[in-house]
PDB file of N, CA and C in Angstrom:
ATOM      1  N   UNK A   1     -31.773  83.361 -70.743  1.00  0.00           N
ATOM      2  CA  UNK A   1     -31.419  84.676 -69.920  1.00  0.00           C
ATOM      3  C   UNK A   1     -29.783  84.988 -70.901  1.00  0.00           C
ATOM      4  N   UNK A   2     -29.799  86.162 -71.377  1.00  0.00           N
ATOM      5  CA  UNK A   2     -28.534  86.385 -72.026  1.00  0.00           C
ATOM      6  C   UNK A   2     -27.583  86.608 -71.091  1.00  0.00           C
ATOM      7  N   UNK A   3     -26.410  86.122 -71.607  1.00  0.00           N
ATOM      8  CA  UNK A   3     -25.058  86.282 -70.686  1.00  0.00           C
ATOM      9  C   UNK A   3     -24.555  87.573 -70.706  1.00  0.00           C
ATOM     10  N   UNK A   4     -24.037  87.941 -69.625  1.00  0.00           N
ATOM     11  CA  UNK A   4     -23.573  89.716 -69.576  1.00  0.00           C
ATOM     12  C   UNK A   4     -22.360  89.895 -70.531  1.00  0.00           C
ATOM     13  N   UNK A   5     -21.650  88.749 -70.894  1.00  0.00           N
ATOM     14  CA  UNK A   5     -20.773  88.880 -71.587  1.00  0.00           C
ATOM     15  C   UNK A   5     -21.445  89.627 -73.070  1.00  0.00           C
ATOM     16  N   UNK A   6     -22.399  89.149 -73.339  1.00  0.00           N
ATOM     17  CA  UNK A   6     -23.344  89.487 -74.658  1.00  0.00           C
ATOM     18  C   UNK A   6     -23.954  90.767 -74.521  1.00  0.00           C
ATOM     19  N   UNK A   7     -23.956  91.608 -73.463  1.00  0.00           N
ATOM     20  CA  UNK A   7     -24.838  92.635 -72.966  1.00  0.00           C
ATOM     21  C   UNK A   7     -23.751  94.108 -73.129  1.00  0.00           C
ATOM     22  N   UNK A   8     -24.293  95.105 -73.422  1.00  0.00           N
ATOM     23  CA  UNK A   8     -23.719  96.182 -73.515  1.00  0.00           C
ATOM     24  C   UNK A   8     -24.436  97.440 -72.981  1.00  0.00           C
ATOM     25  N   UNK A   9     -23.735  98.571 -72.321  1.00  0.00           N
ATOM     26  CA  UNK A   9     -24.445  99.522 -71.890  1.00  0.00           C
ATOM     27  C   UNK A   9     -24.631 100.441 -73.033  1.00  0.00           C
ATOM     28  N   UNK A  10     -25.629 101.218 -73.097  1.00  0.00           N
ATOM     29  CA  UNK A  10     -25.827 102.221 -74.246  1.00  0.00           C
ATOM     30  C   UNK A  10     -26.359 103.749 -73.585  1.00  0.00           C
ATOM     31  N   UNK A  11     -25.651 104.751 -73.731  1.00  0.00           N
ATOM     32  CA  UNK A  11     -26.148 106.021 -73.153  1.00  0.00           C
ATOM     33  C   UNK A  11     -27.029 106.928 -74.010  1.00  0.00           C
ATOM     34  N   UNK A  12     -28.379 107.046 -73.931  1.00  0.00           N
ATOM     35  CA  UNK A  12     -29.163 107.887 -74.355  1.00  0.00           C
ATOM     36  C   UNK A  12     -29.262 109.097 -74.049  1.00  0.00           C
ATOM     37  N   UNK A  13     -29.269 110.338 -74.623  1.00  0.00           N
ATOM     38  CA  UNK A  13     -29.807 111.903 -74.224  1.00  0.00           C
ATOM     39  C   UNK A  13     -31.476 111.791 -74.625  1.00  0.00           C
ATOM     40  N   UNK A  14     -31.972 111.935 -73.491  1.00  0.00           N
ATOM     41  CA  UNK A  14     -33.563 112.019 -74.040  1.00  0.00           C
ATOM     42  C   UNK A  14     -34.371 113.292 -73.375  1.00  0.00           C
ATOM     43  N   UNK A  15     -35.097 113.888 -74.254  1.00  0.00           N
ATOM     44  CA  UNK A  15     -35.992 115.099 -73.769  1.00  0.00           C
ATOM     45  C   UNK A  15     -37.404 114.570 -73.334  1.00  0.00           C
ATOM     46  N   UNK A  16     -37.906 114.882 -72.272  1.00  0.00           N
ATOM     47  CA  UNK A  16     -39.061 114.576 -71.515  1.00  0.00           C
ATOM     48  C   UNK A  16     -40.242 115.546 -71.230  1.00  0.00           C
ATOM     49  N   UNK A  17     -41.331 115.142 -72.018  1.00  0.00           N
ATOM     50  CA  UNK A  17     -42.284 116.319 -71.823  1.00  0.00           C
ATOM     51  C   UNK A  17     -43.406 115.562 -70.905  1.00  0.00           C
ATOM     52  N   UNK A  18     -43.432 115.610 -69.546  1.00  0.00           N
ATOM     53  CA  UNK A  18     -44.389 115.040 -68.734  1.00  0.00           C
ATOM     54  C   UNK A  18     -45.710 115.781 -68.795  1.00  0.00           C
ATOM     55  N   UNK A  19     -46.758 114.970 -68.443  1.00  0.00           N
ATOM     56  CA  UNK A  19     -47.880 115.876 -68.188  1.00  0.00           C
ATOM     57  C   UNK A  19     -48.743 115.754 -69.724  1.00  0.00           C
ATOM     58  N   UNK A  20     -48.500 115.315 -70.479  1.00  0.00           N
ATOM     59  CA  UNK A  20     -48.915 115.047 -72.120  1.00  0.00           C
ATOM     60  C   UNK A  20     -50.209 114.336 -71.924  1.00  0.00           C
ATOM     61  N   UNK A  21     -50.833 114.358 -72.971  1.00  0.00           N
ATOM     62  CA  UNK A  21     -52.153 113.546 -72.892  1.00  0.00           C
ATOM     63  C   UNK A  21     -52.009 112.099 -73.341  1.00  0.00           C
ATOM     64  N   UNK A  22     -50.789 111.670 -73.968  1.00  0.00           N
ATOM     65  CA  UNK A  22     -50.353 110.044 -73.986  1.00  0.00           C
ATOM     66  C   UNK A  22     -48.669 109.875 -73.682  1.00  0.00           C
ATOM     67  N   UNK A  23     -48.603 108.706 -73.576  1.00  0.00           N
ATOM     68  CA  UNK A  23     -47.118 108.259 -73.776  1.00  0.00           C
ATOM     69  C   UNK A  23     -46.806 107.844 -75.218  1.00  0.00           C
ATOM     70  N   UNK A  24     -45.597 108.980 -75.528  1.00  0.00           N
ATOM     71  CA  UNK A  24     -45.301 108.417 -76.751  1.00  0.00           C
ATOM     72  C   UNK A  24     -43.680 108.814 -77.003  1.00  0.00           C
ATOM     73  N   UNK A  25     -42.888 108.238 -78.207  1.00  0.00           N
ATOM     74  CA  UNK A  25     -41.880 108.686 -78.670  1.00  0.00           C
ATOM     75  C   UNK A  25     -41.864 109.376 -79.932  1.00  0.00           C
ATOM     76  N   UNK A  26     -41.543 110.641 -79.889  1.00  0.00           N
ATOM     77  CA  UNK A  26     -41.960 111.458 -80.898  1.00  0.00           C
ATOM     78  C   UNK A  26     -40.502 111.754 -81.927  1.00  0.00           C
ATOM     79  N   UNK A  27     -39.696 111.131 -81.642  1.00  0.00           N
ATOM     80  CA  UNK A  27     -38.394 111.451 -82.685  1.00  0.00           C
ATOM     81  C   UNK A  27     -37.469 112.198 -81.955  1.00  0.00           C
ATOM     82  N   UNK A  28     -37.079 113.366 -82.531  1.00  0.00           N
ATOM     83  CA  UNK A  28     -35.843 114.095 -82.539  1.00  0.00           C
ATOM     84  C   UNK A  28     -36.149 115.523 -82.075  1.00  0.00           C
ATOM     85  N   UNK A  29     -35.524 115.722 -81.029  1.00  0.00           N
ATOM     86  CA  UNK A  29     -35.423 117.265 -80.382  1.00  0.00           C
ATOM     87  C   UNK A  29     -34.294 117.574 -80.274  1.00  0.00           C
ATOM     88  N   UNK A  30     -33.591 118.114 -81.349  1.00  0.00           N
ATOM     89  CA  UNK A  30     -32.168 118.520 -81.337  1.00  0.00           C
ATOM     90  C   UNK A  30     -31.463 117.045 -81.408  1.00  0.00           C
ATOM     91  N   UNK A  31     -30.582 117.038 -80.436  1.00  0.00           N
ATOM     92  CA  UNK A  31     -29.810 115.923 -79.981  1.00  0.00           C
ATOM     93  C   UNK A  31     -30.482 114.806 -79.229  1.00  0.00           C
ATOM     94  N   UNK A  32     -31.381 115.123 -78.731  1.00  0.00           N
ATOM     95  CA  UNK A  32     -32.157 114.457 -77.746  1.00  0.00           C
ATOM     96  C   UNK A  32     -33.525 113.518 -78.560  1.00  0.00           C
ATOM     97  N   UNK A  33     -33.789 112.497 -78.165  1.00  0.00           N
ATOM     98  CA  UNK A  33     -34.741 111.586 -78.390  1.00  0.00           C
ATOM     99  C   UNK A  33     -35.939 112.264 -77.493  1.00  0.00           C
ATOM    100  N   UNK A  34     -37.002 112.765 -78.366  1.00  0.00           N
ATOM    101  CA  UNK A  34     -38.469 113.089 -77.715  1.00  0.00           C
ATOM    102  C   UNK A  34     -39.357 112.159 -77.142  1.00  0.00           C
ATOM    103  N   UNK A  35     -39.638 112.292 -75.814  1.00  0.00           N
ATOM    104  CA  UNK A  35     -40.735 111.422 -75.245  1.00  0.00           C
ATOM    105  C   UNK A  35     -41.851 112.310 -74.601  1.00  0.00           C
ATOM    106  N   UNK A  36     -43.025 111.922 -74.836  1.00  0.00           N
ATOM    107  CA  UNK A  36     -43.987 112.438 -74.013  1.00  0.00           C
ATOM    108  C   UNK A  36     -44.712 111.586 -73.217  1.00  0.00           C
ATOM    109  N   UNK A  37     -44.994 111.908 -71.867  1.00  0.00           N
ATOM    110  CA  UNK A  37     -45.421 111.097 -70.855  1.00  0.00           C
ATOM    111  C   UNK A  37     -46.616 111.486 -70.330  1.00  0.00           C
ATOM    112  N   UNK A  38     -47.529 110.802 -70.044  1.00  0.00           N
ATOM    113  CA  UNK A  38     -49.020 111.520 -69.380  1.00  0.00           C
ATOM    114  C   UNK A  38     -48.768 111.649 -67.839  1.00  0.00           C
ATOM    115  N   UNK A  39     -47.812 110.953 -67.281  1.00  0.00           N
ATOM    116  CA  UNK A  39     -47.626 111.178 -65.927  1.00  0.00           C
ATOM    117  C   UNK A  39     -46.852 112.510 -65.542  1.00  0.00           C
ATOM    118  N   UNK A  40     -47.422 113.006 -64.376  1.00  0.00           N
ATOM    119  CA  UNK A  40     -46.847 114.347 -64.132  1.00  0.00           C
ATOM    120  C   UNK A  40     -45.530 114.232 -63.453  1.00  0.00           C
ATOM    121  N   UNK A  41     -44.620 115.188 -63.369  1.00  0.00           N
ATOM    122  CA  UNK A  41     -43.592 115.221 -62.637  1.00  0.00           C
ATOM    123  C   UNK A  41     -43.555 115.304 -61.120  1.00  0.00           C
ATOM    124  N   UNK A  42     -44.109 114.365 -60.511  1.00  0.00           N
ATOM    125  CA  UNK A  42     -44.488 114.594 -59.176  1.00  0.00           C
ATOM    126  C   UNK A  42     -43.788 113.200 -58.465  1.00  0.00           C
ATOM    127  N   UNK A  43     -43.040 113.530 -57.376  1.00  0.00           N
ATOM    128  CA  UNK A  43     -42.422 112.030 -56.636  1.00  0.00           C
ATOM    129  C   UNK A  43     -42.224 111.032 -57.607  1.00  0.00           C
ATOM    130  N   UNK A  44     -41.398 111.580 -58.449  1.00  0.00           N
ATOM    131  CA  UNK A  44     -40.462 110.291 -59.392  1.00  0.00           C
ATOM    132  C   UNK A  44     -41.523 109.658 -60.341  1.00  0.00           C
ATOM    133  N   UNK A  45     -43.033 110.041 -60.519  1.00  0.00           N
ATOM    134  CA  UNK A  45     -43.970 109.425 -61.213  1.00  0.00           C
ATOM    135  C   UNK A  45     -43.580 109.262 -62.725  1.00  0.00           C
ATOM    136  N   UNK A  46     -42.888 110.539 -63.046  1.00  0.00           N
ATOM    137  CA  UNK A  46     -42.736 110.475 -64.703  1.00  0.00           C
ATOM    138  C   UNK A  46     -41.572 109.858 -65.030  1.00  0.00           C
ATOM    139  N   UNK A  47     -40.704 109.837 -63.829  1.00  0.00           N
ATOM    140  CA  UNK A  47     -39.299 108.839 -64.259  1.00  0.00           C
ATOM    141  C   UNK A  47     -39.496 107.542 -64.383  1.00  0.00           C
ATOM    142  N   UNK A  48     -40.487 107.176 -63.408  1.00  0.00           N
ATOM    143  CA  UNK A  48     -40.705 105.554 -63.365  1.00  0.00           C
ATOM    144  C   UNK A  48     -41.543 105.344 -64.760  1.00  0.00           C
ATOM    145  N   UNK A  49     -42.426 106.224 -65.100  1.00  0.00           N
ATOM    146  CA  UNK A  49     -43.215 105.803 -66.398  1.00  0.00           C
ATOM    147  C   UNK A  49     -42.231 105.812 -67.782  1.00  0.00           C
ATOM    148  N   UNK A  50     -41.319 106.774 -67.754  1.00  0.00           N
ATOM    149  CA  UNK A  50     -40.087 106.803 -68.643  1.00  0.00           C
ATOM    150  C   UNK A  50     -39.426 105.621 -68.645  1.00  0.00           C
ATOM    151  N   UNK A  51     -39.116 104.729 -67.815  1.00  0.00           N
ATOM    152  CA  UNK A  51     -38.301 103.587 -67.404  1.00  0.00           C
ATOM    153  C   UNK A  51     -39.258 102.421 -68.129  1.00  0.00           C
ATOM    154  N   UNK A  52     -40.559 102.483 -67.671  1.00  0.00           N
ATOM    155  CA  UNK A  52     -41.681 101.416 -68.341  1.00  0.00           C
ATOM    156  C   UNK A  52     -41.756 101.663 -69.672  1.00  0.00           C
ATOM    157  N   UNK A  53     -41.919 102.699 -70.312  1.00  0.00           N
ATOM    158  CA  UNK A  53     -42.096 103.053 -71.818  1.00  0.00           C
ATOM    159  C   UNK A  53     -41.065 102.435 -72.324  1.00  0.00           C
ATOM    160  N   UNK A  54     -39.716 102.763 -72.186  1.00  0.00           N
ATOM    161  CA  UNK A  54     -38.656 102.211 -72.807  1.00  0.00           C
ATOM    162  C   UNK A  54     -38.565 101.007 -72.526  1.00  0.00           C
ATOM    163  N   UNK A  55     -38.699 100.214 -71.453  1.00  0.00           N
ATOM    164  CA  UNK A  55     -38.592  98.856 -71.240  1.00  0.00           C
ATOM    165  C   UNK A  55     -39.588  98.132 -72.154  1.00  0.00           C
ATOM    166  N   UNK A  56     -40.864  98.852 -72.181  1.00  0.00           N
ATOM    167  CA  UNK A  56     -41.813  97.926 -72.966  1.00  0.00           C
ATOM    168  C   UNK A  56     -41.620  98.038 -74.524  1.00  0.00           C
ATOM    169  N   UNK A  57     -40.978  99.146 -75.060  1.00  0.00           N
ATOM    170  CA  UNK A  57     -40.645  99.415 -76.426  1.00  0.00           C
ATOM    171  C   UNK A  57     -39.845  98.511 -76.756  1.00  0.00           C
ATOM    172  N   UNK A  58     -38.468  98.473 -76.041  1.00  0.00           N
ATOM    173  CA  UNK A  58     -37.314  97.530 -76.498  1.00  0.00           C
ATOM    174  C   UNK A  58     -37.463  96.146 -75.758  1.00  0.00           C
ATOM    175  N   UNK A  59     -38.456  95.698 -75.346  1.00  0.00           N
ATOM    176  CA  UNK A  59     -38.828  94.525 -74.678  1.00  0.00           C
ATOM    177  C   UNK A  59     -37.682  93.974 -73.899  1.00  0.00           C
ATOM    178  N   UNK A  60     -37.348  94.904 -73.084  1.00  0.00           N
ATOM    179  CA  UNK A  60     -36.358  94.535 -71.738  1.00  0.00           C
ATOM    180  C   UNK A  60     -37.027  94.895 -70.472  1.00  0.00           C
ATOM    181  N   UNK A  61     -36.457  94.153 -69.556  1.00  0.00           N
ATOM    182  CA  UNK A  61     -36.762  94.280 -68.115  1.00  0.00           C
ATOM    183  C   UNK A  61     -36.540  95.740 -67.621  1.00  0.00           C
ATOM    184  N   UNK A  62     -37.357  96.452 -67.123  1.00  0.00           N
ATOM    185  CA  UNK A  62     -37.048  97.840 -66.379  1.00  0.00           C
ATOM    186  C   UNK A  62     -35.708  97.847 -65.619  1.00  0.00           C
ATOM    187  N   UNK A  63     -35.317  96.848 -64.939  1.00  0.00           N
ATOM    188  CA  UNK A  63     -33.852  96.846 -64.191  1.00  0.00           C
ATOM    189  C   UNK A  63     -32.769  97.224 -65.043  1.00  0.00           C
ATOM    190  N   UNK A  64     -33.009  97.047 -66.965  1.00  0.00           N
ATOM    191  CA  UNK A  64     -32.149  97.218 -67.637  1.00  0.00           C
ATOM    192  C   UNK A  64     -31.892  98.573 -67.604  1.00  0.00           C
ATOM    193  N   UNK A  65     -32.557  99.479 -67.277  1.00  0.00           N
ATOM    194  CA  UNK A  65     -32.839 101.006 -67.473  1.00  0.00           C
ATOM    195  C   UNK A  65     -32.703 101.756 -66.441  1.00  0.00           C
ATOM    196  N   UNK A  66     -31.631 102.646 -66.620  1.00  0.00           N
ATOM    197  CA  UNK A  66     -31.138 103.542 -65.333  1.00  0.00           C
ATOM    198  C   UNK A  66     -31.003 104.927 -66.035  1.00  0.00           C
ATOM    199  N   UNK A  67     -31.891 105.864 -64.764  1.00  0.00           N
ATOM    200  CA  UNK A  67     -31.553 107.201 -65.523  1.00  0.00           C
ATOM    201  C   UNK A  67     -30.179 107.918 -64.409  1.00  0.00           C
ATOM    202  N   UNK A  68     -29.184 108.142 -65.435  1.00  0.00           N
ATOM    203  CA  UNK A  68     -28.140 108.527 -64.784  1.00  0.00           C
ATOM    204  C   UNK A  68     -27.855 110.118 -64.112  1.00  0.00           C
ATOM    205  N   UNK A  69     -28.691 110.995 -64.989  1.00  0.00           N
ATOM    206  CA  UNK A  69     -28.853 112.363 -64.888  1.00  0.00           C
ATOM    207  C   UNK A  69     -30.091 113.176 -65.266  1.00  0.00           C
ATOM    208  N   UNK A  70     -30.399 114.208 -64.493  1.00  0.00           N
ATOM    209  CA  UNK A  70     -31.669 114.864 -65.049  1.00  0.00           C
ATOM    210  C   UNK A  70     -32.718 114.104 -64.336  1.00  0.00           C
ATOM    211  N   UNK A  71     -32.646 113.782 -63.040  1.00  0.00           N
ATOM    212  CA  UNK A  71     -33.886 113.347 -62.376  1.00  0.00           C
ATOM    213  C   UNK A  71     -35.148 114.235 -62.234  1.00  0.00           C
ATOM    214  N   UNK A  72     -34.472 115.677 -62.241  1.00  0.00           N
ATOM    215  CA  UNK A  72     -35.540 116.510 -61.844  1.00  0.00           C
ATOM    216  C   UNK A  72     -35.416 117.620 -63.115  1.00  0.00           C
ATOM    217  N   UNK A  73     -35.078 117.086 -64.286  1.00  0.00           N
ATOM    218  CA  UNK A  73     -35.265 118.055 -65.529  1.00  0.00           C
ATOM    219  C   UNK A  73     -35.582 117.308 -66.616  1.00  0.00           C
ATOM    220  N   UNK A  74     -36.131 118.058 -67.508  1.00  0.00           N
ATOM    221  CA  UNK A  74     -36.567 117.340 -68.723  1.00  0.00           C
ATOM    222  C   UNK A  74     -35.681 116.703 -69.778  1.00  0.00           C
ATOM    223  N   UNK A  75     -34.339 117.141 -69.299  1.00  0.00           N
ATOM    224  CA  UNK A  75     -33.294 116.629 -70.362  1.00  0.00           C
ATOM    225  C   UNK A  75     -32.969 115.541 -69.545  1.00  0.00           C
ATOM    226  N   UNK A  76     -32.638 114.383 -69.849  1.00  0.00           N
ATOM    227  CA  UNK A  76     -32.241 113.338 -68.954  1.00  0.00           C
ATOM    228  C   UNK A  76     -31.015 112.422 -69.752  1.00  0.00           C
ATOM    229  N   UNK A  77     -30.067 111.661 -69.019  1.00  0.00           N
ATOM    230  CA  UNK A  77     -29.270 110.847 -69.617  1.00  0.00           C
ATOM    231  C   UNK A  77     -29.466 109.282 -69.142  1.00  0.00           C
ATOM    232  N   UNK A  78     -29.960 108.654 -70.018  1.00  0.00           N
ATOM    233  CA  UNK A  78     -30.298 107.085 -69.527  1.00  0.00           C
ATOM    234  C   UNK A  78     -29.581 106.261 -70.211  1.00  0.00           C
ATOM    235  N   UNK A  79     -29.131 105.267 -69.034  1.00  0.00           N
ATOM    236  CA  UNK A  79     -28.299 104.059 -69.354  1.00  0.00           C
ATOM    237  C   UNK A  79     -29.034 102.959 -69.797  1.00  0.00           C
ATOM    238  N   UNK A  80     -28.900 102.193 -70.950  1.00  0.00           N
ATOM    239  CA  UNK A  80     -29.883 100.751 -71.092  1.00  0.00           C
ATOM    240  C   UNK A  80     -28.826  99.813 -71.402  1.00  0.00           C
ATOM    241  N   UNK A  81     -29.120  98.789 -70.646  1.00  0.00           N
ATOM    242  CA  UNK A  81     -28.220  97.674 -70.683  1.00  0.00           C
ATOM    243  C   UNK A  81     -29.054  96.717 -71.786  1.00  0.00           C
ATOM    244  N   UNK A  82     -28.207  96.304 -72.885  1.00  0.00           N
ATOM    245  CA  UNK A  82     -29.106  95.675 -73.850  1.00  0.00           C
ATOM    246  C   UNK A  82     -28.201  94.679 -74.359  1.00  0.00           C
ATOM    247  N   UNK A  83     -28.830  93.653 -75.167  1.00  0.00           N
ATOM    248  CA  UNK A  83     -27.783  92.607 -76.032  1.00  0.00           C
ATOM    249  C   UNK A  83     -27.072  93.419 -77.131  1.00  0.00           C
ATOM    250  N   UNK A  84     -25.834  93.177 -77.425  1.00  0.00           N
ATOM    251  CA  UNK A  84     -25.010  93.516 -78.284  1.00  0.00           C
ATOM    252  C   UNK A  84     -25.591  94.006 -79.635  1.00  0.00           C
ATOM    253  N   UNK A  85     -26.355  93.029 -80.208  1.00  0.00           N
ATOM    254  CA  UNK A  85     -26.832  93.102 -81.548  1.00  0.00           C
ATOM    255  C   UNK A  85     -28.111  94.198 -81.680  1.00  0.00           C
ATOM    256  N   UNK A  86     -28.702  94.484 -80.363  1.00  0.00           N
ATOM    257  CA  UNK A  86     -30.056  95.370 -80.538  1.00  0.00           C
ATOM    258  C   UNK A  86     -29.491  96.900 -80.684  1.00  0.00           C
ATOM    259  N   UNK A  87     -30.263  97.308 -81.997  1.00  0.00           N
ATOM    260  CA  UNK A  87     -30.158  98.595 -81.953  1.00  0.00           C
ATOM    261  C   UNK A  87     -31.275  99.395 -81.432  1.00  0.00           C
ATOM    262  N   UNK A  88     -31.002  99.821 -80.279  1.00  0.00           N
ATOM    263  CA  UNK A  88     -32.113 100.675 -79.702  1.00  0.00           C
ATOM    264  C   UNK A  88     -32.701 102.037 -80.159  1.00  0.00           C
ATOM    265  N   UNK A  89     -32.018 102.748 -80.641  1.00  0.00           N
ATOM    266  CA  UNK A  89     -32.232 103.971 -81.168  1.00  0.00           C
ATOM    267  C   UNK A  89     -33.240 103.724 -82.689  1.00  0.00           C
ATOM    268  N   UNK A  90     -33.096 102.855 -83.343  1.00  0.00           N
ATOM    269  CA  UNK A  90     -34.043 102.693 -84.593  1.00  0.00           C
ATOM    270  C   UNK A  90     -35.245 101.716 -83.843  1.00  0.00           C
ATOM    271  N   UNK A  91     -35.011 100.941 -82.746  1.00  0.00           N
ATOM    272  CA  UNK A  91     -36.282 100.437 -82.055  1.00  0.00           C
ATOM    273  C   UNK A  91     -37.321 101.261 -81.541  1.00  0.00           C
ATOM    274  N   UNK A  92     -36.633 102.151 -80.758  1.00  0.00           N
ATOM    275  CA  UNK A  92     -37.507 103.391 -80.023  1.00  0.00           C
ATOM    276  C   UNK A  92     -38.162 104.138 -81.102  1.00  0.00           C
ATOM    277  N   UNK A  93     -37.451 104.564 -82.052  1.00  0.00           N
ATOM    278  CA  UNK A  93     -37.981 105.687 -83.018  1.00  0.00           C
ATOM    279  C   UNK A  93     -39.005 104.830 -84.077  1.00  0.00           C
ATOM    280  N   UNK A  94     -38.836 103.450 -83.883  1.00  0.00           N
ATOM    281  CA  UNK A  94     -39.718 102.884 -85.080  1.00  0.00           C
ATOM    282  C   UNK A  94     -41.357 102.931 -84.615  1.00  0.00           C
ATOM    283  N   UNK A  95     -42.073 103.365 -85.427  1.00  0.00           N
ATOM    284  CA  UNK A  95     -43.513 103.634 -84.913  1.00  0.00           C
ATOM    285  C   UNK A  95     -44.301 102.292 -84.846  1.00  0.00           C
TER     286      UNK A  95
END
């Protein structure tokens, strides 16, 4: 387990397209990271899928990821608690 002193919160702006054919991170949409999700935006399913996808891609536990704003919007702000040395943007956008 990593000490909390070696952890940092980073906030990302994300653009989500729910109801797509696959889950994928597609690069940039203006200043937002574009993410497609197969889940429909019903009863928080797409938000849960977003957290699961980001956690999987960054190899972090899902509880380290929190949607700060945009729960009912395609434009979201997400907080990610990560190790200091981890560059999450390059890891997310890596194919």
